[in-house]
Amino acid sequence: MIQNLILFLTFLLFQDNIIEKDFLLYHQEFIQVEELIVQENFQNAETLLNDLLTYYKPAFAKDYVIAAEISLINKNKSKALNWMREAFKHGVKIKCLKEITIFKELFNISYWQKLEKEFNDLYAEYQSNISIGKSKTFHRNYQKEQESKSSKTYKGIVYSNFFKIKESVDKNEYPGENLIGIDNSNDAPKIDDCELDNAKITATLLHYDYPINELTEEKLVTAIKSGALHPREFAIIYAFQNGRVSVLYQESGKTRTKLSNYQFNFSFGKHCTDFKKVNADRAKFGICSYETDKKKPIIEEKYGIKLKFGYR
């Protein structure tokens, strides 16, 4: 199966200018990479992940870090360095890689000095590929929202931030990593650089009451397919709405139609014991099986890598 998928991806590389990329397929194929990783089949995981990243060129910074880690497990330092450079081109800061055990242990000071010399140019390439103005605006909105928690102005700020997101979504421009980059503490001190996340958007959608109804599931799925929204972000937003987790639900007078019935077994909500249903719903959106997720911390600990980032 892996060999057939690799052959298919090789074929797609020659069709790059003809076929419009569907990132839902990317995430569904990424599931196989994660399964290979938890099986400790790192050679096949590296081959498949390299092909996926080369063809799709996703905006998700974490995937390039994972590729670098897997290459390093396979003792392929030159390939690992190349993927680290790609990570910098997608907004990852050097300090975040230095926090990951495998990089700390297998790269000596000369490697880090070389990367530090290259970093500014690579990071500048990242900045040239996103909308800096929009990024700073959404970071500022996030910071204001975080600072207003427990205040009387909180609901108004969450609502204001939500409608700015909705305005962008309505233009088919979901403000994802491809448009506004990953989180940057230089623009919002309350945010975490090294989760390689888009929390500046996701946090508002967790706090707002009934975000999926108002943005519509259809538009969010379109954002997944375009490479703007990560499926795991969708799943956590779904879990928060389905469980009515935000305090804003307590005083919400809205009446909304029920969500589609998905079972992801993410945090904040009753876990479903029908694992066949859980894994089918996860696979539909390009999220690995519940069992694979449960195995990740064991692999992280054993090899000194990081597989889970932010809400993902």
C-alpha atoms as a PDB file:
ATOM      1  CA  MET A   1       0.000   0.000   0.000  1.00  0.00           C
ATOM      2  CA  ILE A   2       2.809   2.421   0.928  1.00  0.00           C
ATOM      3  CA  GLN A   3       4.642   1.707  -2.323  1.00  0.00           C
ATOM      4  CA  ASN A   4       1.465   2.361  -4.337  1.00  0.00           C
ATOM      5  CA  LEU A   5       0.907   5.662  -2.567  1.00  0.00           C
ATOM      6  CA  ILE A   6       4.493   6.745  -3.201  1.00  0.00           C
ATOM      7  CA  LEU A   7       4.122   5.890  -6.899  1.00  0.00           C
ATOM      8  CA  PHE A   8       0.904   7.888  -6.999  1.00  0.00           C
ATOM      9  CA  LEU A   9       2.585  10.912  -5.397  1.00  0.00           C
ATOM     10  CA  THR A  10       5.474  10.641  -7.852  1.00  0.00           C
ATOM     11  CA  PHE A  11       2.944  10.750 -10.674  1.00  0.00           C
ATOM     12  CA  LEU A  12       1.294  13.794  -9.126  1.00  0.00           C
ATOM     13  CA  LEU A  13       4.593  15.670  -9.077  1.00  0.00           C
ATOM     14  CA  PHE A  14       4.533  15.648 -12.866  1.00  0.00           C
ATOM     15  CA  GLN A  15       0.941  16.928 -12.821  1.00  0.00           C
ATOM     16  CA  ASP A  16       1.679  19.776 -10.403  1.00  0.00           C
ATOM     17  CA  ASN A  17       0.484  22.542 -12.676  1.00  0.00           C
ATOM     18  CA  ILE A  18      -2.621  20.672 -13.799  1.00  0.00           C
ATOM     19  CA  ILE A  19      -4.226  19.287 -10.635  1.00  0.00           C
ATOM     20  CA  GLU A  20      -5.534  21.631  -7.959  1.00  0.00           C
ATOM     21  CA  LYS A  21      -4.262  20.312  -4.633  1.00  0.00           C
ATOM     22  CA  ASP A  22      -6.876  19.038  -2.184  1.00  0.00           C
ATOM     23  CA  PHE A  23      -5.384  19.243   1.307  1.00  0.00           C
ATOM     24  CA  LEU A  24      -8.050  16.986   2.743  1.00  0.00           C
ATOM     25  CA  LEU A  25      -6.291  14.256   0.757  1.00  0.00           C
ATOM     26  CA  TYR A  26      -2.978  15.461   2.169  1.00  0.00           C
ATOM     27  CA  HIS A  27      -4.213  15.011   5.727  1.00  0.00           C
ATOM     28  CA  GLN A  28      -5.773  11.644   4.944  1.00  0.00           C
ATOM     29  CA  GLU A  29      -2.423  10.502   3.535  1.00  0.00           C
ATOM     30  CA  PHE A  30      -0.564  12.025   6.499  1.00  0.00           C
ATOM     31  CA  ILE A  31      -2.474   9.558   8.680  1.00  0.00           C
ATOM     32  CA  GLN A  32      -0.338   6.790   7.161  1.00  0.00           C
ATOM     33  CA  VAL A  33       2.837   8.663   8.099  1.00  0.00           C
ATOM     34  CA  GLU A  34       1.681   8.862  11.709  1.00  0.00           C
ATOM     35  CA  GLU A  35       0.791   5.180  11.754  1.00  0.00           C
ATOM     36  CA  LEU A  36       4.258   4.301  10.445  1.00  0.00           C
ATOM     37  CA  ILE A  37       5.852   6.502  13.101  1.00  0.00           C
ATOM     38  CA  VAL A  38       4.053   4.852  16.020  1.00  0.00           C
ATOM     39  CA  GLN A  39       4.950   1.461  14.490  1.00  0.00           C
ATOM     40  CA  GLU A  40       8.587   2.698  14.536  1.00  0.00           C
ATOM     41  CA  ASN A  41       8.820   2.120  10.785  1.00  0.00           C
ATOM     42  CA  PHE A  42      10.807   5.312  10.340  1.00  0.00           C
ATOM     43  CA  GLN A  43      12.339   4.540   6.943  1.00  0.00           C
ATOM     44  CA  ASN A  44       8.951   4.249   5.232  1.00  0.00           C
ATOM     45  CA  ALA A  45       7.619   7.168   7.264  1.00  0.00           C
ATOM     46  CA  GLU A  46      10.459   9.380   6.038  1.00  0.00           C
ATOM     47  CA  THR A  47      10.001   8.369   2.391  1.00  0.00           C
ATOM     48  CA  LEU A  48       6.258   8.933   2.430  1.00  0.00           C
ATOM     49  CA  LEU A  49       6.460  12.213   4.353  1.00  0.00           C
ATOM     50  CA  ASN A  50       9.169  13.564   2.053  1.00  0.00           C
ATOM     51  CA  ASP A  51       6.956  12.845  -0.956  1.00  0.00           C
ATOM     52  CA  LEU A  52       3.889  14.409   0.662  1.00  0.00           C
ATOM     53  CA  LEU A  53       5.717  17.601   1.639  1.00  0.00           C
ATOM     54  CA  THR A  54       7.425  17.891  -1.747  1.00  0.00           C
ATOM     55  CA  TYR A  55       4.158  17.623  -3.638  1.00  0.00           C
ATOM     56  CA  TYR A  56       1.694  19.489  -1.398  1.00  0.00           C
ATOM     57  CA  LYS A  57       4.041  22.108   0.132  1.00  0.00           C
ATOM     58  CA  PRO A  58       1.662  22.658   3.087  1.00  0.00           C
ATOM     59  CA  ALA A  59       1.716  25.764   5.246  1.00  0.00           C
ATOM     60  CA  PHE A  60       1.673  23.703   8.448  1.00  0.00           C
ATOM     61  CA  ALA A  61       5.025  24.377  10.085  1.00  0.00           C
ATOM     62  CA  LYS A  62       4.822  21.398  12.430  1.00  0.00           C
ATOM     63  CA  ASP A  63       4.939  18.928   9.540  1.00  0.00           C
ATOM     64  CA  TYR A  64       8.389  20.142   8.471  1.00  0.00           C
ATOM     65  CA  VAL A  65       9.638  19.787  12.046  1.00  0.00           C
ATOM     66  CA  ILE A  66       8.308  16.216  12.188  1.00  0.00           C
ATOM     67  CA  ALA A  67      10.042  15.487   8.875  1.00  0.00           C
ATOM     68  CA  ALA A  68      13.330  16.785  10.297  1.00  0.00           C
ATOM     69  CA  GLU A  69      12.913  14.638  13.412  1.00  0.00           C
ATOM     70  CA  ILE A  70      12.209  11.461  11.440  1.00  0.00           C
ATOM     71  CA  SER A  71      15.180  12.107   9.145  1.00  0.00           C
ATOM     72  CA  LEU A  72      17.368  12.510  12.205  1.00  0.00           C
ATOM     73  CA  ILE A  73      16.126   9.250  13.721  1.00  0.00           C
ATOM     74  CA  ASN A  74      17.208   7.665  10.429  1.00  0.00           C
ATOM     75  CA  LYS A  75      20.636   9.304  10.862  1.00  0.00           C
ATOM     76  CA  ASN A  76      20.066  11.442   7.772  1.00  0.00           C
ATOM     77  CA  LYS A  77      21.450  14.710   9.125  1.00  0.00           C
ATOM     78  CA  SER A  78      21.679  16.505   5.784  1.00  0.00           C
ATOM     79  CA  LYS A  79      18.006  15.817   5.065  1.00  0.00           C
ATOM     80  CA  ALA A  80      17.083  16.839   8.594  1.00  0.00           C
ATOM     81  CA  LEU A  81      18.890  20.150   8.105  1.00  0.00           C
ATOM     82  CA  ASN A  82      16.993  20.762   4.873  1.00  0.00           C
ATOM     83  CA  TRP A  83      13.655  20.205   6.603  1.00  0.00           C
ATOM     84  CA  MET A  84      14.719  22.465   9.462  1.00  0.00           C
ATOM     85  CA  ARG A  85      15.410  25.174   6.908  1.00  0.00           C
ATOM     86  CA  GLU A  86      11.932  24.597   5.464  1.00  0.00           C
ATOM     87  CA  ALA A  87      10.544  24.924   8.987  1.00  0.00           C
ATOM     88  CA  PHE A  88      12.218  28.344   9.299  1.00  0.00           C
ATOM     89  CA  LYS A  89      10.638  29.304   5.975  1.00  0.00           C
ATOM     90  CA  HIS A  90       7.294  28.528   7.622  1.00  0.00           C
ATOM     91  CA  GLY A  91       7.865  30.652  10.704  1.00  0.00           C
ATOM     92  CA  VAL A  92       9.551  28.293  13.179  1.00  0.00           C
ATOM     93  CA  LYS A  93      12.073  29.993  15.446  1.00  0.00           C
ATOM     94  CA  ILE A  94      15.431  28.387  16.234  1.00  0.00           C
ATOM     95  CA  LYS A  95      14.729  28.477  19.974  1.00  0.00           C
ATOM     96  CA  CYS A  96      11.770  26.107  19.431  1.00  0.00           C
ATOM     97  CA  LEU A  97      13.914  23.454  17.776  1.00  0.00           C
ATOM     98  CA  LYS A  98      16.522  23.777  20.507  1.00  0.00           C
ATOM     99  CA  GLU A  99      13.830  22.756  23.008  1.00  0.00           C
ATOM    100  CA  ILE A 100      13.301  19.383  21.289  1.00  0.00           C
ATOM    101  CA  THR A 101      15.521  16.665  22.754  1.00  0.00           C
ATOM    102  CA  ILE A 102      16.614  14.964  19.527  1.00  0.00           C
ATOM    103  CA  PHE A 103      17.925  18.231  18.076  1.00  0.00           C
ATOM    104  CA  LYS A 104      19.664  19.155  21.319  1.00  0.00           C
ATOM    105  CA  GLU A 105      21.398  15.791  21.531  1.00  0.00           C
ATOM    106  CA  LEU A 106      22.389  15.184  17.904  1.00  0.00           C
ATOM    107  CA  PHE A 107      23.378  18.683  16.746  1.00  0.00           C
ATOM    108  CA  ASN A 108      26.550  20.216  18.101  1.00  0.00           C
ATOM    109  CA  ILE A 109      27.297  23.917  18.333  1.00  0.00           C
ATOM    110  CA  SER A 110      28.698  24.138  14.806  1.00  0.00           C
ATOM    111  CA  TYR A 111      25.353  22.976  13.348  1.00  0.00           C
ATOM    112  CA  TRP A 112      23.462  25.590  15.358  1.00  0.00           C
ATOM    113  CA  GLN A 113      25.924  28.323  14.379  1.00  0.00           C
ATOM    114  CA  LYS A 114      25.422  27.460  10.724  1.00  0.00           C
ATOM    115  CA  LEU A 115      21.631  27.519  11.079  1.00  0.00           C
ATOM    116  CA  GLU A 116      21.731  30.815  12.973  1.00  0.00           C
ATOM    117  CA  LYS A 117      23.675  32.418  10.119  1.00  0.00           C
ATOM    118  CA  GLU A 118      21.033  31.272   7.652  1.00  0.00           C
ATOM    119  CA  PHE A 119      18.005  31.942   9.829  1.00  0.00           C
ATOM    120  CA  ASN A 120      17.333  35.617   9.100  1.00  0.00           C
ATOM    121  CA  ASP A 121      17.166  35.109   5.329  1.00  0.00           C
ATOM    122  CA  LEU A 122      14.966  32.015   5.682  1.00  0.00           C
ATOM    123  CA  TYR A 123      12.631  33.754   8.127  1.00  0.00           C
ATOM    124  CA  ALA A 124      12.435  36.777   5.832  1.00  0.00           C
ATOM    125  CA  GLU A 125      11.211  34.424   3.087  1.00  0.00           C
ATOM    126  CA  TYR A 126       8.461  33.273   5.444  1.00  0.00           C
ATOM    127  CA  GLN A 127       7.438  36.846   6.181  1.00  0.00           C
ATOM    128  CA  SER A 128       7.285  37.672   2.475  1.00  0.00           C
ATOM    129  CA  ASN A 129       4.795  34.830   1.922  1.00  0.00           C
ATOM    130  CA  ILE A 130       2.215  35.877   4.512  1.00  0.00           C
ATOM    131  CA  SER A 131       0.203  39.040   5.085  1.00  0.00           C
ATOM    132  CA  ILE A 132       2.175  40.748   7.846  1.00  0.00           C
ATOM    133  CA  GLY A 133      -0.523  43.393   8.341  1.00  0.00           C
ATOM    134  CA  LYS A 134      -3.315  40.837   8.818  1.00  0.00           C
ATOM    135  CA  SER A 135      -1.080  38.708  11.006  1.00  0.00           C
ATOM    136  CA  LYS A 136      -0.356  41.588  13.349  1.00  0.00           C
ATOM    137  CA  THR A 137      -4.042  42.555  13.449  1.00  0.00           C
ATOM    138  CA  PHE A 138      -5.176  39.077  14.464  1.00  0.00           C
ATOM    139  CA  HIS A 139      -2.355  38.791  17.004  1.00  0.00           C
ATOM    140  CA  ARG A 140      -3.443  42.108  18.498  1.00  0.00           C
ATOM    141  CA  ASN A 141      -7.049  40.894  18.649  1.00  0.00           C
ATOM    142  CA  TYR A 142      -5.952  37.689  20.400  1.00  0.00           C
ATOM    143  CA  GLN A 143      -3.905  39.609  22.956  1.00  0.00           C
ATOM    144  CA  LYS A 144      -6.828  41.896  23.727  1.00  0.00           C
ATOM    145  CA  GLU A 145      -9.142  38.900  24.137  1.00  0.00           C
ATOM    146  CA  GLN A 146      -6.769  37.155  26.540  1.00  0.00           C
ATOM    147  CA  GLU A 147      -6.323  40.283  28.627  1.00  0.00           C
ATOM    148  CA  SER A 148     -10.084  40.838  28.888  1.00  0.00           C
ATOM    149  CA  LYS A 149     -10.934  37.462  30.448  1.00  0.00           C
ATOM    150  CA  SER A 150     -13.155  37.793  33.546  1.00  0.00           C
ATOM    151  CA  SER A 151     -13.936  41.399  32.625  1.00  0.00           C
ATOM    152  CA  LYS A 152     -17.228  42.930  31.528  1.00  0.00           C
ATOM    153  CA  THR A 153     -15.772  43.658  28.098  1.00  0.00           C
ATOM    154  CA  TYR A 154     -14.855  40.024  27.371  1.00  0.00           C
ATOM    155  CA  LYS A 155     -17.981  39.037  25.431  1.00  0.00           C
ATOM    156  CA  GLY A 156     -17.853  42.169  23.268  1.00  0.00           C
ATOM    157  CA  ILE A 157     -14.197  41.584  22.412  1.00  0.00           C
ATOM    158  CA  VAL A 158     -14.767  37.895  21.559  1.00  0.00           C
ATOM    159  CA  TYR A 159     -17.705  38.880  19.354  1.00  0.00           C
ATOM    160  CA  SER A 160     -15.686  41.599  17.646  1.00  0.00           C
ATOM    161  CA  ASN A 161     -12.818  39.188  16.991  1.00  0.00           C
ATOM    162  CA  PHE A 162     -15.216  36.528  15.693  1.00  0.00           C
ATOM    163  CA  PHE A 163     -16.857  38.850  13.180  1.00  0.00           C
ATOM    164  CA  LYS A 164     -13.445  39.828  11.819  1.00  0.00           C
ATOM    165  CA  ILE A 165     -12.714  36.138  11.287  1.00  0.00           C
ATOM    166  CA  LYS A 166     -16.139  35.607   9.718  1.00  0.00           C
ATOM    167  CA  GLU A 167     -15.580  38.522   7.368  1.00  0.00           C
ATOM    168  CA  SER A 168     -12.433  36.808   6.117  1.00  0.00           C
ATOM    169  CA  VAL A 169     -14.101  33.384   5.867  1.00  0.00           C
ATOM    170  CA  ASP A 170     -16.986  34.876   3.880  1.00  0.00           C
ATOM    171  CA  LYS A 171     -14.416  36.021   1.331  1.00  0.00           C
ATOM    172  CA  ASN A 172     -13.094  32.442   1.132  1.00  0.00           C
ATOM    173  CA  GLU A 173      -9.955  33.583   2.952  1.00  0.00           C
ATOM    174  CA  TYR A 174      -9.879  31.608   6.173  1.00  0.00           C
ATOM    175  CA  PRO A 175      -7.103  33.279   8.208  1.00  0.00           C
ATOM    176  CA  GLY A 176      -4.927  30.213   8.483  1.00  0.00           C
ATOM    177  CA  GLU A 177      -1.200  29.653   8.563  1.00  0.00           C
ATOM    178  CA  ASN A 178      -1.013  30.058   4.803  1.00  0.00           C
ATOM    179  CA  LEU A 179      -2.341  33.637   5.103  1.00  0.00           C
ATOM    180  CA  ILE A 180      -1.244  34.951   8.504  1.00  0.00           C
ATOM    181  CA  GLY A 181       1.463  32.500   9.564  1.00  0.00           C
ATOM    182  CA  ILE A 182       1.978  30.741  12.879  1.00  0.00           C
ATOM    183  CA  ASP A 183       1.731  32.340  16.318  1.00  0.00           C
ATOM    184  CA  ASN A 184       4.387  34.896  17.187  1.00  0.00           C
ATOM    185  CA  SER A 185       4.974  36.119  20.737  1.00  0.00           C
ATOM    186  CA  ASN A 186       6.649  39.250  19.368  1.00  0.00           C
ATOM    187  CA  ASP A 187       3.168  40.343  18.262  1.00  0.00           C
ATOM    188  CA  ALA A 188       1.178  38.824  21.151  1.00  0.00           C
ATOM    189  CA  PRO A 189       3.165  38.168  24.353  1.00  0.00           C
ATOM    190  CA  LYS A 190       0.467  35.859  25.750  1.00  0.00           C
ATOM    191  CA  ILE A 191       0.892  33.431  22.866  1.00  0.00           C
ATOM    192  CA  ASP A 192       3.217  30.402  22.687  1.00  0.00           C
ATOM    193  CA  ASP A 193       5.748  30.462  19.840  1.00  0.00           C
ATOM    194  CA  CYS A 194       6.691  26.814  20.022  1.00  0.00           C
ATOM    195  CA  GLU A 195       3.283  25.177  19.700  1.00  0.00           C
ATOM    196  CA  LEU A 196       3.561  26.124  15.980  1.00  0.00           C
ATOM    197  CA  ASP A 197      -0.111  26.940  16.079  1.00  0.00           C
ATOM    198  CA  ASN A 198      -2.752  29.369  14.853  1.00  0.00           C
ATOM    199  CA  ALA A 199      -4.207  29.940  18.339  1.00  0.00           C
ATOM    200  CA  LYS A 200      -4.794  33.611  17.562  1.00  0.00           C
ATOM    201  CA  ILE A 201      -7.720  32.445  15.426  1.00  0.00           C
ATOM    202  CA  THR A 202      -8.658  29.138  17.037  1.00  0.00           C
ATOM    203  CA  ALA A 203      -8.949  30.606  20.541  1.00  0.00           C
ATOM    204  CA  THR A 204     -11.697  32.998  19.471  1.00  0.00           C
ATOM    205  CA  LEU A 205     -13.581  30.181  17.753  1.00  0.00           C
ATOM    206  CA  LEU A 206     -13.392  28.160  20.969  1.00  0.00           C
ATOM    207  CA  HIS A 207     -14.706  31.048  23.050  1.00  0.00           C
ATOM    208  CA  TYR A 208     -17.472  32.254  20.730  1.00  0.00           C
ATOM    209  CA  ASP A 209     -20.864  30.603  21.082  1.00  0.00           C
ATOM    210  CA  TYR A 210     -21.935  28.549  18.041  1.00  0.00           C
ATOM    211  CA  PRO A 211     -19.052  29.423  15.681  1.00  0.00           C
ATOM    212  CA  ILE A 212     -19.605  26.468  13.334  1.00  0.00           C
ATOM    213  CA  ASN A 213     -23.257  27.346  12.766  1.00  0.00           C
ATOM    214  CA  GLU A 214     -22.367  30.894  11.815  1.00  0.00           C
ATOM    215  CA  LEU A 215     -19.274  30.161   9.755  1.00  0.00           C
ATOM    216  CA  THR A 216     -20.940  26.985   8.399  1.00  0.00           C
ATOM    217  CA  GLU A 217     -19.421  23.547   8.305  1.00  0.00           C
ATOM    218  CA  GLU A 218     -19.305  23.746   4.515  1.00  0.00           C
ATOM    219  CA  LYS A 219     -16.994  26.769   4.538  1.00  0.00           C
ATOM    220  CA  LEU A 220     -14.779  25.244   7.208  1.00  0.00           C
ATOM    221  CA  VAL A 221     -14.417  22.029   5.189  1.00  0.00           C
ATOM    222  CA  THR A 222     -13.560  24.200   2.162  1.00  0.00           C
ATOM    223  CA  ALA A 223     -10.856  25.830   4.297  1.00  0.00           C
ATOM    224  CA  ILE A 224      -9.466  22.394   5.153  1.00  0.00           C
ATOM    225  CA  LYS A 225      -9.395  21.428   1.482  1.00  0.00           C
ATOM    226  CA  SER A 226      -7.614  24.661   0.539  1.00  0.00           C
ATOM    227  CA  GLY A 227      -4.858  24.087   3.104  1.00  0.00           C
ATOM    228  CA  ALA A 228      -5.902  26.952   5.377  1.00  0.00           C
ATOM    229  CA  LEU A 229      -7.499  25.091   8.291  1.00  0.00           C
ATOM    230  CA  HIS A 230      -5.993  22.049   9.976  1.00  0.00           C
ATOM    231  CA  PRO A 231      -8.473  19.201  10.601  1.00  0.00           C
ATOM    232  CA  ARG A 232      -7.439  19.000  14.235  1.00  0.00           C
ATOM    233  CA  GLU A 233      -8.322  22.653  14.666  1.00  0.00           C
ATOM    234  CA  PHE A 234     -11.757  21.923  13.224  1.00  0.00           C
ATOM    235  CA  ALA A 235     -12.155  18.964  15.592  1.00  0.00           C
ATOM    236  CA  ILE A 236     -11.312  20.963  18.724  1.00  0.00           C
ATOM    237  CA  ILE A 237     -13.644  23.788  17.651  1.00  0.00           C
ATOM    238  CA  TYR A 238     -16.348  21.164  17.094  1.00  0.00           C
ATOM    239  CA  ALA A 239     -15.678  19.621  20.520  1.00  0.00           C
ATOM    240  CA  PHE A 240     -15.951  23.002  22.255  1.00  0.00           C
ATOM    241  CA  GLN A 241     -19.221  23.861  20.541  1.00  0.00           C
ATOM    242  CA  ASN A 242     -20.704  20.395  20.955  1.00  0.00           C
ATOM    243  CA  GLY A 243     -19.849  20.455  24.660  1.00  0.00           C
ATOM    244  CA  ARG A 244     -20.824  24.131  25.035  1.00  0.00           C
ATOM    245  CA  VAL A 245     -17.535  24.648  26.875  1.00  0.00           C
ATOM    246  CA  SER A 246     -17.189  28.438  26.640  1.00  0.00           C
ATOM    247  CA  VAL A 247     -18.679  30.591  29.395  1.00  0.00           C
ATOM    248  CA  LEU A 248     -20.483  32.550  26.696  1.00  0.00           C
ATOM    249  CA  TYR A 249     -22.919  29.651  26.235  1.00  0.00           C
ATOM    250  CA  GLN A 250     -24.193  30.227  29.779  1.00  0.00           C
ATOM    251  CA  GLU A 251     -25.873  33.463  28.792  1.00  0.00           C
ATOM    252  CA  SER A 252     -26.400  32.773  25.090  1.00  0.00           C
ATOM    253  CA  GLY A 253     -29.939  33.288  23.883  1.00  0.00           C
ATOM    254  CA  LYS A 254     -29.232  31.845  20.462  1.00  0.00           C
ATOM    255  CA  THR A 255     -31.079  28.856  19.118  1.00  0.00           C
ATOM    256  CA  ARG A 256     -29.108  26.830  16.635  1.00  0.00           C
ATOM    257  CA  THR A 257     -29.641  23.687  14.603  1.00  0.00           C
ATOM    258  CA  LYS A 258     -27.693  20.664  15.792  1.00  0.00           C
ATOM    259  CA  LEU A 259     -24.244  19.983  14.447  1.00  0.00           C
ATOM    260  CA  SER A 260     -23.486  16.994  12.282  1.00  0.00           C
ATOM    261  CA  ASN A 261     -22.899  13.974  14.512  1.00  0.00           C
ATOM    262  CA  TYR A 262     -19.136  13.489  14.675  1.00  0.00           C
ATOM    263  CA  GLN A 263     -17.216  11.598  17.326  1.00  0.00           C
ATOM    264  CA  PHE A 264     -13.556  12.641  17.514  1.00  0.00           C
ATOM    265  CA  ASN A 265     -12.846  11.821  21.192  1.00  0.00           C
ATOM    266  CA  PHE A 266     -10.968  15.073  21.591  1.00  0.00           C
ATOM    267  CA  SER A 267     -10.776  16.844  24.943  1.00  0.00           C
ATOM    268  CA  PHE A 268     -13.784  18.612  26.437  1.00  0.00           C
ATOM    269  CA  GLY A 269     -16.650  16.290  25.908  1.00  0.00           C
ATOM    270  CA  LYS A 270     -17.967  12.837  26.543  1.00  0.00           C
ATOM    271  CA  HIS A 271     -15.825  10.215  24.881  1.00  0.00           C
ATOM    272  CA  CYS A 272     -17.584   7.767  22.594  1.00  0.00           C
ATOM    273  CA  THR A 273     -16.961   4.069  23.206  1.00  0.00           C
ATOM    274  CA  ASP A 274     -17.819   3.176  19.615  1.00  0.00           C
ATOM    275  CA  PHE A 275     -14.232   3.388  18.371  1.00  0.00           C
ATOM    276  CA  LYS A 276     -15.237   2.275  14.892  1.00  0.00           C
ATOM    277  CA  LYS A 277     -17.386   5.426  14.643  1.00  0.00           C
ATOM    278  CA  VAL A 278     -14.659   7.573  16.226  1.00  0.00           C
ATOM    279  CA  ASN A 279     -11.978   6.398  13.813  1.00  0.00           C
ATOM    280  CA  ALA A 280     -14.265   6.661  10.779  1.00  0.00           C
ATOM    281  CA  ASP A 281     -15.099  10.285  11.637  1.00  0.00           C
ATOM    282  CA  ARG A 282     -11.439  11.063  12.266  1.00  0.00           C
ATOM    283  CA  ALA A 283     -10.401   9.482   8.966  1.00  0.00           C
ATOM    284  CA  LYS A 284     -13.048  11.469   7.104  1.00  0.00           C
ATOM    285  CA  PHE A 285     -11.310  14.686   8.160  1.00  0.00           C
ATOM    286  CA  GLY A 286      -7.731  13.425   7.930  1.00  0.00           C
ATOM    287  CA  ILE A 287      -7.121  12.799  11.631  1.00  0.00           C
ATOM    288  CA  CYS A 288      -5.285   9.658  12.718  1.00  0.00           C
ATOM    289  CA  SER A 289      -7.020   6.939  14.702  1.00  0.00           C
ATOM    290  CA  TYR A 290      -7.654   7.331  18.412  1.00  0.00           C
ATOM    291  CA  GLU A 291      -5.273   4.422  19.067  1.00  0.00           C
ATOM    292  CA  THR A 292      -2.462   6.082  17.070  1.00  0.00           C
ATOM    293  CA  ASP A 293      -2.899   9.297  19.047  1.00  0.00           C
ATOM    294  CA  LYS A 294      -2.655   7.362  22.305  1.00  0.00           C
ATOM    295  CA  LYS A 295       0.683   5.843  21.210  1.00  0.00           C
ATOM    296  CA  LYS A 296       2.317   9.163  20.301  1.00  0.00           C
ATOM    297  CA  PRO A 297       3.500  10.134  23.818  1.00  0.00           C
ATOM    298  CA  ILE A 298       5.340   6.799  24.099  1.00  0.00           C
ATOM    299  CA  ILE A 299       7.202   7.454  20.830  1.00  0.00           C
ATOM    300  CA  GLU A 300       7.897  11.068  21.829  1.00  0.00           C
ATOM    301  CA  GLU A 301       9.470   9.942  25.090  1.00  0.00           C
ATOM    302  CA  LYS A 302      11.441   7.080  23.565  1.00  0.00           C
ATOM    303  CA  TYR A 303      13.030   9.087  20.735  1.00  0.00           C
ATOM    304  CA  GLY A 304      13.079  12.599  22.178  1.00  0.00           C
ATOM    305  CA  ILE A 305      10.806  14.013  19.491  1.00  0.00           C
ATOM    306  CA  LYS A 306       7.659  16.097  19.437  1.00  0.00           C
ATOM    307  CA  LEU A 307       4.617  14.917  17.465  1.00  0.00           C
ATOM    308  CA  LYS A 308       1.795  16.927  19.033  1.00  0.00           C
ATOM    309  CA  PHE A 309       1.659  20.695  18.691  1.00  0.00           C
ATOM    310  CA  GLY A 310      -0.951  23.176  19.883  1.00  0.00           C
ATOM    311  CA  TYR A 311      -4.512  21.988  19.381  1.00  0.00           C
ATOM    312  CA  ARG A 312      -3.116  19.352  17.040  1.00  0.00           C
END
